[in-house]
Amino acid sequence: IVKAPTSTGAADAGGYAQPWHRDHYARVGRGSALTIVEFTAIDDGAAL
């Protein structure tokens, strides 16, 4: 069982993960074998 990556739209203006993300992923997908954190931009320009 895999938790698929699902965008949360909850990063700050700089694209940084927040404590909310830590708590969200601790809860959502609990019990799965692999939890894939969402679509994450490789740069802070056009990739966002």
ModelCIF file with pLDDT and N, C-alpha, C, O atoms, coordinates in Angstrom:
data_MODEL
#
_entry.id   MODEL 
#
_entity.id                         1 
_entity.type                       polymer 
_entity.pdbx_number_of_molecules   1 
#
_entity_poly.entity_id                      1 
_entity_poly.type                           'polypeptide(L)' 
_entity_poly.nstd_linkage                   no 
_entity_poly.nstd_monomer                   no 
_entity_poly.pdbx_seq_one_letter_code       IVKAPTSTGAADAGGYAQPWHRDHYARVGRGSALTIVEFTAIDDGAAL 
_entity_poly.pdbx_seq_one_letter_code_can   IVKAPTSTGAADAGGYAQPWHRDHYARVGRGSALTIVEFTAIDDGAAL 
_entity_poly.pdbx_strand_id                 A 
#
loop_
_entity_poly_seq.entity_id 
_entity_poly_seq.num 
_entity_poly_seq.mon_id 
_entity_poly_seq.hetero 
1 1  ILE n 
1 2  VAL n 
1 3  LYS n 
1 4  ALA n 
1 5  PRO n 
1 6  THR n 
1 7  SER n 
1 8  THR n 
1 9  GLY n 
1 10 ALA n 
1 11 ALA n 
1 12 ASP n 
1 13 ALA n 
1 14 GLY n 
1 15 GLY n 
1 16 TYR n 
1 17 ALA n 
1 18 GLN n 
1 19 PRO n 
1 20 TRP n 
1 21 HIS n 
1 22 ARG n 
1 23 ASP n 
1 24 HIS n 
1 25 TYR n 
1 26 ALA n 
1 27 ARG n 
1 28 VAL n 
1 29 GLY n 
1 30 ARG n 
1 31 GLY n 
1 32 SER n 
1 33 ALA n 
1 34 LEU n 
1 35 THR n 
1 36 ILE n 
1 37 VAL n 
1 38 GLU n 
1 39 PHE n 
1 40 THR n 
1 41 ALA n 
1 42 ILE n 
1 43 ASP n 
1 44 ASP n 
1 45 GLY n 
1 46 ALA n 
1 47 ALA n 
1 48 LEU n 
#
_struct_asym.id          A 
_struct_asym.entity_id   1 
#
loop_
_ma_qa_metric.id 
_ma_qa_metric.mode 
_ma_qa_metric.name 
_ma_qa_metric.software_group_id 
_ma_qa_metric.type 
1 global pLDDT . pLDDT 
2 local  pLDDT . pLDDT 
#
_ma_qa_metric_global.metric_id      1 
_ma_qa_metric_global.metric_value   95.29 
_ma_qa_metric_global.model_id       1 
_ma_qa_metric_global.ordinal_id     1 
#
loop_
_ma_qa_metric_local.label_asym_id 
_ma_qa_metric_local.label_comp_id 
_ma_qa_metric_local.label_seq_id 
_ma_qa_metric_local.metric_id 
_ma_qa_metric_local.metric_value 
_ma_qa_metric_local.model_id 
_ma_qa_metric_local.ordinal_id 
A ILE 1  2 98.00 1 1  
A VAL 2  2 98.00 1 2  
A LYS 3  2 98.00 1 3  
A ALA 4  2 97.00 1 4  
A PRO 5  2 96.00 1 5  
A THR 6  2 92.00 1 6  
A SER 7  2 90.00 1 7  
A THR 8  2 91.00 1 8  
A GLY 9  2 90.00 1 9  
A ALA 10 2 91.00 1 10 
A ALA 11 2 93.00 1 11 
A ASP 12 2 93.00 1 12 
A ALA 13 2 91.00 1 13 
A GLY 14 2 94.00 1 14 
A GLY 15 2 95.00 1 15 
A TYR 16 2 97.00 1 16 
A ALA 17 2 97.00 1 17 
A GLN 18 2 95.00 1 18 
A PRO 19 2 95.00 1 19 
A TRP 20 2 93.00 1 20 
A HIS 21 2 95.00 1 21 
A ARG 22 2 96.00 1 22 
A ASP 23 2 95.00 1 23 
A HIS 24 2 95.00 1 24 
A TYR 25 2 96.00 1 25 
A ALA 26 2 95.00 1 26 
A ARG 27 2 94.00 1 27 
A VAL 28 2 95.00 1 28 
A GLY 29 2 94.00 1 29 
A ARG 30 2 94.00 1 30 
A GLY 31 2 96.00 1 31 
A SER 32 2 98.00 1 32 
A ALA 33 2 98.00 1 33 
A LEU 34 2 98.00 1 34 
A THR 35 2 98.00 1 35 
A ILE 36 2 98.00 1 36 
A VAL 37 2 98.00 1 37 
A GLU 38 2 96.00 1 38 
A PHE 39 2 93.00 1 39 
A THR 40 2 98.00 1 40 
A ALA 41 2 98.00 1 41 
A ILE 42 2 98.00 1 42 
A ASP 43 2 97.00 1 43 
A ASP 44 2 95.00 1 44 
A GLY 45 2 95.00 1 45 
A ALA 46 2 96.00 1 46 
A ALA 47 2 96.00 1 47 
A LEU 48 2 95.00 1 48 
#
loop_
_atom_site.group_PDB 
_atom_site.id 
_atom_site.type_symbol 
_atom_site.label_atom_id 
_atom_site.label_alt_id 
_atom_site.label_comp_id 
_atom_site.label_asym_id 
_atom_site.label_entity_id 
_atom_site.label_seq_id 
_atom_site.pdbx_PDB_ins_code 
_atom_site.Cartn_x 
_atom_site.Cartn_y 
_atom_site.Cartn_z 
_atom_site.occupancy 
_atom_site.B_iso_or_equiv 
_atom_site.pdbx_formal_charge 
_atom_site.auth_seq_id 
_atom_site.auth_comp_id 
_atom_site.auth_asym_id 
_atom_site.auth_atom_id 
_atom_site.pdbx_PDB_model_num 
ATOM 1   N N  . ILE A 1 1  ? 0.836  -1.206 0.000   1.00 98.00 ? 1  ILE A N  1 
ATOM 2   C CA . ILE A 1 1  ? 0.000  0.000  0.000   1.00 98.00 ? 1  ILE A CA 1 
ATOM 3   C C  . ILE A 1 1  ? 0.869  1.254  0.000   1.00 98.00 ? 1  ILE A C  1 
ATOM 4   O O  . ILE A 1 1  ? 1.748  1.418  0.846   1.00 98.00 ? 1  ILE A O  1 
ATOM 5   N N  . VAL A 1 2  ? 0.607  2.132  -0.964  1.00 98.00 ? 2  VAL A N  1 
ATOM 6   C CA . VAL A 1 2  ? 1.352  3.379  -1.117  1.00 98.00 ? 2  VAL A CA 1 
ATOM 7   C C  . VAL A 1 2  ? 0.389  4.549  -0.937  1.00 98.00 ? 2  VAL A C  1 
ATOM 8   O O  . VAL A 1 2  ? -0.702 4.556  -1.506  1.00 98.00 ? 2  VAL A O  1 
ATOM 9   N N  . LYS A 1 3  ? 0.795  5.534  -0.148  1.00 98.00 ? 3  LYS A N  1 
ATOM 10  C CA . LYS A 1 3  ? 0.081  6.812  -0.122  1.00 98.00 ? 3  LYS A CA 1 
ATOM 11  C C  . LYS A 1 3  ? 0.619  7.649  -1.277  1.00 98.00 ? 3  LYS A C  1 
ATOM 12  O O  . LYS A 1 3  ? 1.778  8.063  -1.271  1.00 98.00 ? 3  LYS A O  1 
ATOM 13  N N  . ALA A 1 4  ? -0.233 7.891  -2.265  1.00 97.00 ? 4  ALA A N  1 
ATOM 14  C CA . ALA A 1 4  ? 0.192  8.624  -3.457  1.00 97.00 ? 4  ALA A CA 1 
ATOM 15  C C  . ALA A 1 4  ? 0.418  10.096 -3.130  1.00 97.00 ? 4  ALA A C  1 
ATOM 16  O O  . ALA A 1 4  ? -0.170 10.620 -2.184  1.00 97.00 ? 4  ALA A O  1 
ATOM 17  N N  . PRO A 1 5  ? 1.270  10.765 -3.909  1.00 96.00 ? 5  PRO A N  1 
ATOM 18  C CA . PRO A 1 5  ? 1.494  12.191 -3.678  1.00 96.00 ? 5  PRO A CA 1 
ATOM 19  C C  . PRO A 1 5  ? 0.246  13.000 -4.022  1.00 96.00 ? 5  PRO A C  1 
ATOM 20  O O  . PRO A 1 5  ? -0.284 12.903 -5.129  1.00 96.00 ? 5  PRO A O  1 
ATOM 21  N N  . THR A 1 6  ? -0.214 13.795 -3.064  1.00 92.00 ? 6  THR A N  1 
ATOM 22  C CA . THR A 1 6  ? -1.395 14.644 -3.245  1.00 92.00 ? 6  THR A CA 1 
ATOM 23  C C  . THR A 1 6  ? -1.049 16.043 -2.787  1.00 92.00 ? 6  THR A C  1 
ATOM 24  O O  . THR A 1 6  ? -0.744 16.248 -1.612  1.00 92.00 ? 6  THR A O  1 
ATOM 25  N N  . SER A 1 7  ? -1.089 17.006 -3.682  1.00 90.00 ? 7  SER A N  1 
ATOM 26  C CA . SER A 1 7  ? -0.702 18.366 -3.329  1.00 90.00 ? 7  SER A CA 1 
ATOM 27  C C  . SER A 1 7  ? -1.594 18.917 -2.223  1.00 90.00 ? 7  SER A C  1 
ATOM 28  O O  . SER A 1 7  ? -2.810 18.726 -2.238  1.00 90.00 ? 7  SER A O  1 
ATOM 29  N N  . THR A 1 8  ? -0.977 19.600 -1.268  1.00 91.00 ? 8  THR A N  1 
ATOM 30  C CA . THR A 1 8  ? -1.731 20.170 -0.150  1.00 91.00 ? 8  THR A CA 1 
ATOM 31  C C  . THR A 1 8  ? -1.904 21.671 -0.254  1.00 91.00 ? 8  THR A C  1 
ATOM 32  O O  . THR A 1 8  ? -2.815 22.225 0.361   1.00 91.00 ? 8  THR A O  1 
ATOM 33  N N  . GLY A 1 9  ? -1.044 22.354 -1.025  1.00 90.00 ? 9  GLY A N  1 
ATOM 34  C CA . GLY A 1 9  ? -1.163 23.804 -1.163  1.00 90.00 ? 9  GLY A CA 1 
ATOM 35  C C  . GLY A 1 9  ? -0.935 24.554 0.127   1.00 90.00 ? 9  GLY A C  1 
ATOM 36  O O  . GLY A 1 9  ? -1.503 25.628 0.326   1.00 90.00 ? 9  GLY A O  1 
ATOM 37  N N  . ALA A 1 10 ? -0.113 24.007 1.013   1.00 91.00 ? 10 ALA A N  1 
ATOM 38  C CA . ALA A 1 10 ? 0.035  24.600 2.344   1.00 91.00 ? 10 ALA A CA 1 
ATOM 39  C C  . ALA A 1 10 ? 1.433  25.124 2.639   1.00 91.00 ? 10 ALA A C  1 
ATOM 40  O O  . ALA A 1 10 ? 1.718  25.496 3.777   1.00 91.00 ? 10 ALA A O  1 
ATOM 41  N N  . ALA A 1 11 ? 2.314  25.163 1.637   1.00 93.00 ? 11 ALA A N  1 
ATOM 42  C CA . ALA A 1 11 ? 3.646  25.729 1.876   1.00 93.00 ? 11 ALA A CA 1 
ATOM 43  C C  . ALA A 1 11 ? 3.549  27.242 2.030   1.00 93.00 ? 11 ALA A C  1 
ATOM 44  O O  . ALA A 1 11 ? 2.563  27.849 1.611   1.00 93.00 ? 11 ALA A O  1 
ATOM 45  N N  . ASP A 1 12 ? 4.574  27.853 2.634   1.00 93.00 ? 12 ASP A N  1 
ATOM 46  C CA . ASP A 1 12 ? 4.572  29.306 2.750   1.00 93.00 ? 12 ASP A CA 1 
ATOM 47  C C  . ASP A 1 12 ? 4.973  29.928 1.412   1.00 93.00 ? 12 ASP A C  1 
ATOM 48  O O  . ASP A 1 12 ? 5.200  29.218 0.433   1.00 93.00 ? 12 ASP A O  1 
ATOM 49  N N  . ALA A 1 13 ? 5.058  31.257 1.380   1.00 91.00 ? 13 ALA A N  1 
ATOM 50  C CA . ALA A 1 13 ? 5.322  31.949 0.121   1.00 91.00 ? 13 ALA A CA 1 
ATOM 51  C C  . ALA A 1 13 ? 6.661  31.567 -0.491  1.00 91.00 ? 13 ALA A C  1 
ATOM 52  O O  . ALA A 1 13 ? 6.848  31.714 -1.699  1.00 91.00 ? 13 ALA A O  1 
ATOM 53  N N  . GLY A 1 14 ? 7.599  31.078 0.323   1.00 94.00 ? 14 GLY A N  1 
ATOM 54  C CA . GLY A 1 14 ? 8.897  30.663 -0.191  1.00 94.00 ? 14 GLY A CA 1 
ATOM 55  C C  . GLY A 1 14 ? 8.971  29.203 -0.569  1.00 94.00 ? 14 GLY A C  1 
ATOM 56  O O  . GLY A 1 14 ? 10.034 28.723 -0.963  1.00 94.00 ? 14 GLY A O  1 
ATOM 57  N N  . GLY A 1 15 ? 7.848  28.472 -0.459  1.00 95.00 ? 15 GLY A N  1 
ATOM 58  C CA . GLY A 1 15 ? 7.834  27.059 -0.786  1.00 95.00 ? 15 GLY A CA 1 
ATOM 59  C C  . GLY A 1 15 ? 8.326  26.156 0.331   1.00 95.00 ? 15 GLY A C  1 
ATOM 60  O O  . GLY A 1 15 ? 8.634  24.988 0.095   1.00 95.00 ? 15 GLY A O  1 
ATOM 61  N N  . TYR A 1 16 ? 8.404  26.692 1.561   1.00 97.00 ? 16 TYR A N  1 
ATOM 62  C CA . TYR A 1 16 ? 8.948  25.913 2.672   1.00 97.00 ? 16 TYR A CA 1 
ATOM 63  C C  . TYR A 1 16 ? 7.847  25.103 3.368   1.00 97.00 ? 16 TYR A C  1 
ATOM 64  O O  . TYR A 1 16 ? 6.732  25.585 3.571   1.00 97.00 ? 16 TYR A O  1 
ATOM 65  N N  . ALA A 1 17 ? 8.189  23.860 3.727   1.00 97.00 ? 17 ALA A N  1 
ATOM 66  C CA . ALA A 1 17 ? 7.285  23.038 4.519   1.00 97.00 ? 17 ALA A CA 1 
ATOM 67  C C  . ALA A 1 17 ? 7.085  23.660 5.889   1.00 97.00 ? 17 ALA A C  1 
ATOM 68  O O  . ALA A 1 17 ? 7.989  24.291 6.438   1.00 97.00 ? 17 ALA A O  1 
ATOM 69  N N  . GLN A 1 18 ? 5.883  23.473 6.437   1.00 95.00 ? 18 GLN A N  1 
ATOM 70  C CA . GLN A 1 18 ? 5.499  24.037 7.725   1.00 95.00 ? 18 GLN A CA 1 
ATOM 71  C C  . GLN A 1 18 ? 5.270  22.914 8.741   1.00 95.00 ? 18 GLN A C  1 
ATOM 72  O O  . GLN A 1 18 ? 5.185  21.748 8.355   1.00 95.00 ? 18 GLN A O  1 
ATOM 73  N N  . PRO A 1 19 ? 5.171  23.243 10.027  1.00 95.00 ? 19 PRO A N  1 
ATOM 74  C CA . PRO A 1 19 ? 4.790  22.212 11.007  1.00 95.00 ? 19 PRO A CA 1 
ATOM 75  C C  . PRO A 1 19 ? 3.496  21.497 10.626  1.00 95.00 ? 19 PRO A C  1 
ATOM 76  O O  . PRO A 1 19 ? 3.308  20.322 10.942  1.00 95.00 ? 19 PRO A O  1 
ATOM 77  N N  . TRP A 1 20 ? 2.609  22.219 9.944   1.00 93.00 ? 20 TRP A N  1 
ATOM 78  C CA . TRP A 1 20 ? 1.358  21.592 9.482   1.00 93.00 ? 20 TRP A CA 1 
ATOM 79  C C  . TRP A 1 20 ? 1.657  20.375 8.622   1.00 93.00 ? 20 TRP A C  1 
ATOM 80  O O  . TRP A 1 20 ? 0.993  19.348 8.761   1.00 93.00 ? 20 TRP A O  1 
ATOM 81  N N  . HIS A 1 21 ? 2.650  20.468 7.727   1.00 95.00 ? 21 HIS A N  1 
ATOM 82  C CA . HIS A 1 21 ? 2.985  19.334 6.869   1.00 95.00 ? 21 HIS A CA 1 
ATOM 83  C C  . HIS A 1 21 ? 3.444  18.133 7.692   1.00 95.00 ? 21 HIS A C  1 
ATOM 84  O O  . HIS A 1 21 ? 3.063  16.998 7.408   1.00 95.00 ? 21 HIS A O  1 
ATOM 85  N N  . ARG A 1 22 ? 4.250  18.384 8.696   1.00 96.00 ? 22 ARG A N  1 
ATOM 86  C CA . ARG A 1 22 ? 4.716  17.298 9.558   1.00 96.00 ? 22 ARG A CA 1 
ATOM 87  C C  . ARG A 1 22 ? 3.528  16.572 10.177  1.00 96.00 ? 22 ARG A C  1 
ATOM 88  O O  . ARG A 1 22 ? 3.477  15.342 10.172  1.00 96.00 ? 22 ARG A O  1 
ATOM 89  N N  . ASP A 1 23 ? 2.578  17.329 10.709  1.00 95.00 ? 23 ASP A N  1 
ATOM 90  C CA . ASP A 1 23 ? 1.425  16.715 11.361  1.00 95.00 ? 23 ASP A CA 1 
ATOM 91  C C  . ASP A 1 23 ? 0.495  16.058 10.344  1.00 95.00 ? 23 ASP A C  1 
ATOM 92  O O  . ASP A 1 23 ? -0.077 15.001 10.614  1.00 95.00 ? 23 ASP A O  1 
ATOM 93  N N  . HIS A 1 24 ? 0.345  16.679 9.183   1.00 95.00 ? 24 HIS A N  1 
ATOM 94  C CA . HIS A 1 24 ? -0.525 16.125 8.146   1.00 95.00 ? 24 HIS A CA 1 
ATOM 95  C C  . HIS A 1 24 ? -0.016 14.762 7.688   1.00 95.00 ? 24 HIS A C  1 
ATOM 96  O O  . HIS A 1 24 ? -0.784 13.803 7.619   1.00 95.00 ? 24 HIS A O  1 
ATOM 97  N N  . TYR A 1 25 ? 1.268  14.673 7.377   1.00 96.00 ? 25 TYR A N  1 
ATOM 98  C CA . TYR A 1 25 ? 1.801  13.406 6.875   1.00 96.00 ? 25 TYR A CA 1 
ATOM 99  C C  . TYR A 1 25 ? 1.991  12.373 7.978   1.00 96.00 ? 25 TYR A C  1 
ATOM 100 O O  . TYR A 1 25 ? 2.061  11.177 7.695   1.00 96.00 ? 25 TYR A O  1 
ATOM 101 N N  . ALA A 1 26 ? 2.075  12.815 9.225   1.00 95.00 ? 26 ALA A N  1 
ATOM 102 C CA . ALA A 1 26 ? 2.063  11.850 10.327  1.00 95.00 ? 26 ALA A CA 1 
ATOM 103 C C  . ALA A 1 26 ? 0.716  11.153 10.415  1.00 95.00 ? 26 ALA A C  1 
ATOM 104 O O  . ALA A 1 26 ? 0.628  9.999  10.833  1.00 95.00 ? 26 ALA A O  1 
ATOM 105 N N  . ARG A 1 27 ? -0.335 11.865 10.016  1.00 94.00 ? 27 ARG A N  1 
ATOM 106 C CA . ARG A 1 27 ? -1.695 11.335 10.134  1.00 94.00 ? 27 ARG A CA 1 
ATOM 107 C C  . ARG A 1 27 ? -2.160 10.655 8.836   1.00 94.00 ? 27 ARG A C  1 
ATOM 108 O O  . ARG A 1 27 ? -2.629 9.518  8.856   1.00 94.00 ? 27 ARG A O  1 
ATOM 109 N N  . VAL A 1 28 ? -2.025 11.357 7.728   1.00 95.00 ? 28 VAL A N  1 
ATOM 110 C CA . VAL A 1 28 ? -2.556 10.856 6.466   1.00 95.00 ? 28 VAL A CA 1 
ATOM 111 C C  . VAL A 1 28 ? -1.599 9.819  5.878   1.00 95.00 ? 28 VAL A C  1 
ATOM 112 O O  . VAL A 1 28 ? -0.428 10.107 5.629   1.00 95.00 ? 28 VAL A O  1 
ATOM 113 N N  . GLY A 1 29 ? -2.106 8.636  5.664   1.00 94.00 ? 29 GLY A N  1 
ATOM 114 C CA . GLY A 1 29 ? -1.272 7.555  5.151   1.00 94.00 ? 29 GLY A CA 1 
ATOM 115 C C  . GLY A 1 29 ? -0.710 6.659  6.227   1.00 94.00 ? 29 GLY A C  1 
ATOM 116 O O  . GLY A 1 29 ? 0.062  5.743  5.948   1.00 94.00 ? 29 GLY A O  1 
ATOM 117 N N  . ARG A 1 30 ? -1.101 6.926  7.461   1.00 94.00 ? 30 ARG A N  1 
ATOM 118 C CA . ARG A 1 30 ? -0.603 6.089  8.548   1.00 94.00 ? 30 ARG A CA 1 
ATOM 119 C C  . ARG A 1 30 ? -0.975 4.628  8.279   1.00 94.00 ? 30 ARG A C  1 
ATOM 120 O O  . ARG A 1 30 ? -2.114 4.322  7.927   1.00 94.00 ? 30 ARG A O  1 
ATOM 121 N N  . GLY A 1 31 ? -0.005 3.739  8.447   1.00 96.00 ? 31 GLY A N  1 
ATOM 122 C CA . GLY A 1 31 ? -0.249 2.323  8.191   1.00 96.00 ? 31 GLY A CA 1 
ATOM 123 C C  . GLY A 1 31 ? 0.134  1.883  6.800   1.00 96.00 ? 31 GLY A C  1 
ATOM 124 O O  . GLY A 1 31 ? 0.196  0.682  6.535   1.00 96.00 ? 31 GLY A O  1 
ATOM 125 N N  . SER A 1 32 ? 0.395  2.826  5.891   1.00 98.00 ? 32 SER A N  1 
ATOM 126 C CA . SER A 1 32 ? 0.842  2.440  4.553   1.00 98.00 ? 32 SER A CA 1 
ATOM 127 C C  . SER A 1 32 ? 2.294  1.974  4.618   1.00 98.00 ? 32 SER A C  1 
ATOM 128 O O  . SER A 1 32 ? 2.968  2.127  5.636   1.00 98.00 ? 32 SER A O  1 
ATOM 129 N N  . ALA A 1 33 ? 2.755  1.408  3.518   1.00 98.00 ? 33 ALA A N  1 
ATOM 130 C CA . ALA A 1 33 ? 4.160  0.991  3.470   1.00 98.00 ? 33 ALA A CA 1 
ATOM 131 C C  . ALA A 1 33 ? 5.055  2.132  3.010   1.00 98.00 ? 33 ALA A C  1 
ATOM 132 O O  . ALA A 1 33 ? 6.172  2.289  3.502   1.00 98.00 ? 33 ALA A O  1 
ATOM 133 N N  . LEU A 1 34 ? 4.570  2.918  2.078   1.00 98.00 ? 34 LEU A N  1 
ATOM 134 C CA . LEU A 1 34 ? 5.326  4.024  1.492   1.00 98.00 ? 34 LEU A CA 1 
ATOM 135 C C  . LEU A 1 34 ? 4.408  5.227  1.402   1.00 98.00 ? 34 LEU A C  1 
ATOM 136 O O  . LEU A 1 34 ? 3.324  5.144  0.823   1.00 98.00 ? 34 LEU A O  1 
ATOM 137 N N  . THR A 1 35 ? 4.831  6.338  1.966   1.00 98.00 ? 35 THR A N  1 
ATOM 138 C CA . THR A 1 35 ? 4.086  7.591  1.849   1.00 98.00 ? 35 THR A CA 1 
ATOM 139 C C  . THR A 1 35 ? 4.926  8.555  1.025   1.00 98.00 ? 35 THR A C  1 
ATOM 140 O O  . THR A 1 35 ? 6.021  8.946  1.431   1.00 98.00 ? 35 THR A O  1 
ATOM 141 N N  . ILE A 1 36 ? 4.397  8.939  -0.148  1.00 98.00 ? 36 ILE A N  1 
ATOM 142 C CA . ILE A 1 36 ? 5.123  9.841  -1.049  1.00 98.00 ? 36 ILE A CA 1 
ATOM 143 C C  . ILE A 1 36 ? 4.609  11.256 -0.835  1.00 98.00 ? 36 ILE A C  1 
ATOM 144 O O  . ILE A 1 36 ? 3.442  11.553 -1.089  1.00 98.00 ? 36 ILE A O  1 
ATOM 145 N N  . VAL A 1 37 ? 5.493  12.119 -0.368  1.00 98.00 ? 37 VAL A N  1 
ATOM 146 C CA . VAL A 1 37 ? 5.141  13.519 -0.172  1.00 98.00 ? 37 VAL A CA 1 
ATOM 147 C C  . VAL A 1 37 ? 4.989  14.180 -1.533  1.00 98.00 ? 37 VAL A C  1 
ATOM 148 O O  . VAL A 1 37 ? 5.667  13.841 -2.503  1.00 98.00 ? 37 VAL A O  1 
ATOM 149 N N  . GLU A 1 38 ? 4.095  15.111 -1.562  1.00 96.00 ? 38 GLU A N  1 
ATOM 150 C CA . GLU A 1 38 ? 3.594  15.723 -2.776  1.00 96.00 ? 38 GLU A CA 1 
ATOM 151 C C  . GLU A 1 38 ? 4.645  16.310 -3.713  1.00 96.00 ? 38 GLU A C  1 
ATOM 152 O O  . GLU A 1 38 ? 5.792  16.541 -3.331  1.00 96.00 ? 38 GLU A O  1 
ATOM 153 N N  . PHE A 1 39 ? 4.222  16.538 -4.933  1.00 93.00 ? 39 PHE A N  1 
ATOM 154 C CA . PHE A 1 39 ? 4.874  17.310 -5.993  1.00 93.00 ? 39 PHE A CA 1 
ATOM 155 C C  . PHE A 1 39 ? 5.676  18.475 -5.395  1.00 93.00 ? 39 PHE A C  1 
ATOM 156 O O  . PHE A 1 39 ? 5.096  19.410 -4.843  1.00 93.00 ? 39 PHE A O  1 
ATOM 157 N N  . THR A 1 40 ? 7.012  18.417 -5.507  1.00 98.00 ? 40 THR A N  1 
ATOM 158 C CA . THR A 1 40 ? 7.892  19.392 -4.865  1.00 98.00 ? 40 THR A CA 1 
ATOM 159 C C  . THR A 1 40 ? 8.814  19.995 -5.922  1.00 98.00 ? 40 THR A C  1 
ATOM 160 O O  . THR A 1 40 ? 9.487  19.268 -6.653  1.00 98.00 ? 40 THR A O  1 
ATOM 161 N N  . ALA A 1 41 ? 8.843  21.322 -5.999  1.00 98.00 ? 41 ALA A N  1 
ATOM 162 C CA . ALA A 1 41 ? 9.516  22.020 -7.093  1.00 98.00 ? 41 ALA A CA 1 
ATOM 163 C C  . ALA A 1 41 ? 11.029 21.978 -6.937  1.00 98.00 ? 41 ALA A C  1 
ATOM 164 O O  . ALA A 1 41 ? 11.559 22.166 -5.842  1.00 98.00 ? 41 ALA A O  1 
ATOM 165 N N  . ILE A 1 42 ? 11.719 21.728 -8.052  1.00 98.00 ? 42 ILE A N  1 
ATOM 166 C CA . ILE A 1 42 ? 13.178 21.597 -8.017  1.00 98.00 ? 42 ILE A CA 1 
ATOM 167 C C  . ILE A 1 42 ? 13.887 22.946 -7.951  1.00 98.00 ? 42 ILE A C  1 
ATOM 168 O O  . ILE A 1 42 ? 15.062 23.006 -7.588  1.00 98.00 ? 42 ILE A O  1 
ATOM 169 N N  . ASP A 1 43 ? 13.189 24.030 -8.298  1.00 97.00 ? 43 ASP A N  1 
ATOM 170 C CA . ASP A 1 43 ? 13.783 25.359 -8.149  1.00 97.00 ? 43 ASP A CA 1 
ATOM 171 C C  . ASP A 1 43 ? 12.705 26.327 -7.699  1.00 97.00 ? 43 ASP A C  1 
ATOM 172 O O  . ASP A 1 43 ? 11.527 25.973 -7.649  1.00 97.00 ? 43 ASP A O  1 
ATOM 173 N N  . ASP A 1 44 ? 13.105 27.551 -7.371  1.00 95.00 ? 44 ASP A N  1 
ATOM 174 C CA . ASP A 1 44 ? 12.124 28.515 -6.877  1.00 95.00 ? 44 ASP A CA 1 
ATOM 175 C C  . ASP A 1 44 ? 11.730 29.517 -7.958  1.00 95.00 ? 44 ASP A C  1 
ATOM 176 O O  . ASP A 1 44 ? 11.305 30.634 -7.661  1.00 95.00 ? 44 ASP A O  1 
ATOM 177 N N  . GLY A 1 45 ? 11.881 29.097 -9.229  1.00 95.00 ? 45 GLY A N  1 
ATOM 178 C CA . GLY A 1 45 ? 11.476 29.931 -10.351 1.00 95.00 ? 45 GLY A CA 1 
ATOM 179 C C  . GLY A 1 45 ? 10.340 29.281 -11.110 1.00 95.00 ? 45 GLY A C  1 
ATOM 180 O O  . GLY A 1 45 ? 9.250  29.090 -10.572 1.00 95.00 ? 45 GLY A O  1 
ATOM 181 N N  . ALA A 1 46 ? 10.599 28.941 -12.364 1.00 96.00 ? 46 ALA A N  1 
ATOM 182 C CA . ALA A 1 46 ? 9.549  28.408 -13.230 1.00 96.00 ? 46 ALA A CA 1 
ATOM 183 C C  . ALA A 1 46 ? 9.057  27.031 -12.807 1.00 96.00 ? 46 ALA A C  1 
ATOM 184 O O  . ALA A 1 46 ? 7.982  26.607 -13.231 1.00 96.00 ? 46 ALA A O  1 
ATOM 185 N N  . ALA A 1 47 ? 9.824  26.322 -11.975 1.00 96.00 ? 47 ALA A N  1 
ATOM 186 C CA . ALA A 1 47 ? 9.378  24.997 -11.522 1.00 96.00 ? 47 ALA A CA 1 
ATOM 187 C C  . ALA A 1 47 ? 8.180  25.085 -10.599 1.00 96.00 ? 47 ALA A C  1 
ATOM 188 O O  . ALA A 1 47 ? 7.392  24.143 -10.519 1.00 96.00 ? 47 ALA A O  1 
ATOM 189 N N  . LEU A 1 48 ? 8.026  26.220 -9.887  1.00 95.00 ? 48 LEU A N  1 
ATOM 190 C CA . LEU A 1 48 ? 6.894  26.392 -8.980  1.00 95.00 ? 48 LEU A CA 1 
ATOM 191 C C  . LEU A 1 48 ? 5.617  26.574 -9.784  1.00 95.00 ? 48 LEU A C  1 
ATOM 192 O O  . LEU A 1 48 ? 4.542  26.736 -9.207  1.00 95.00 ? 48 LEU A O  1 
#
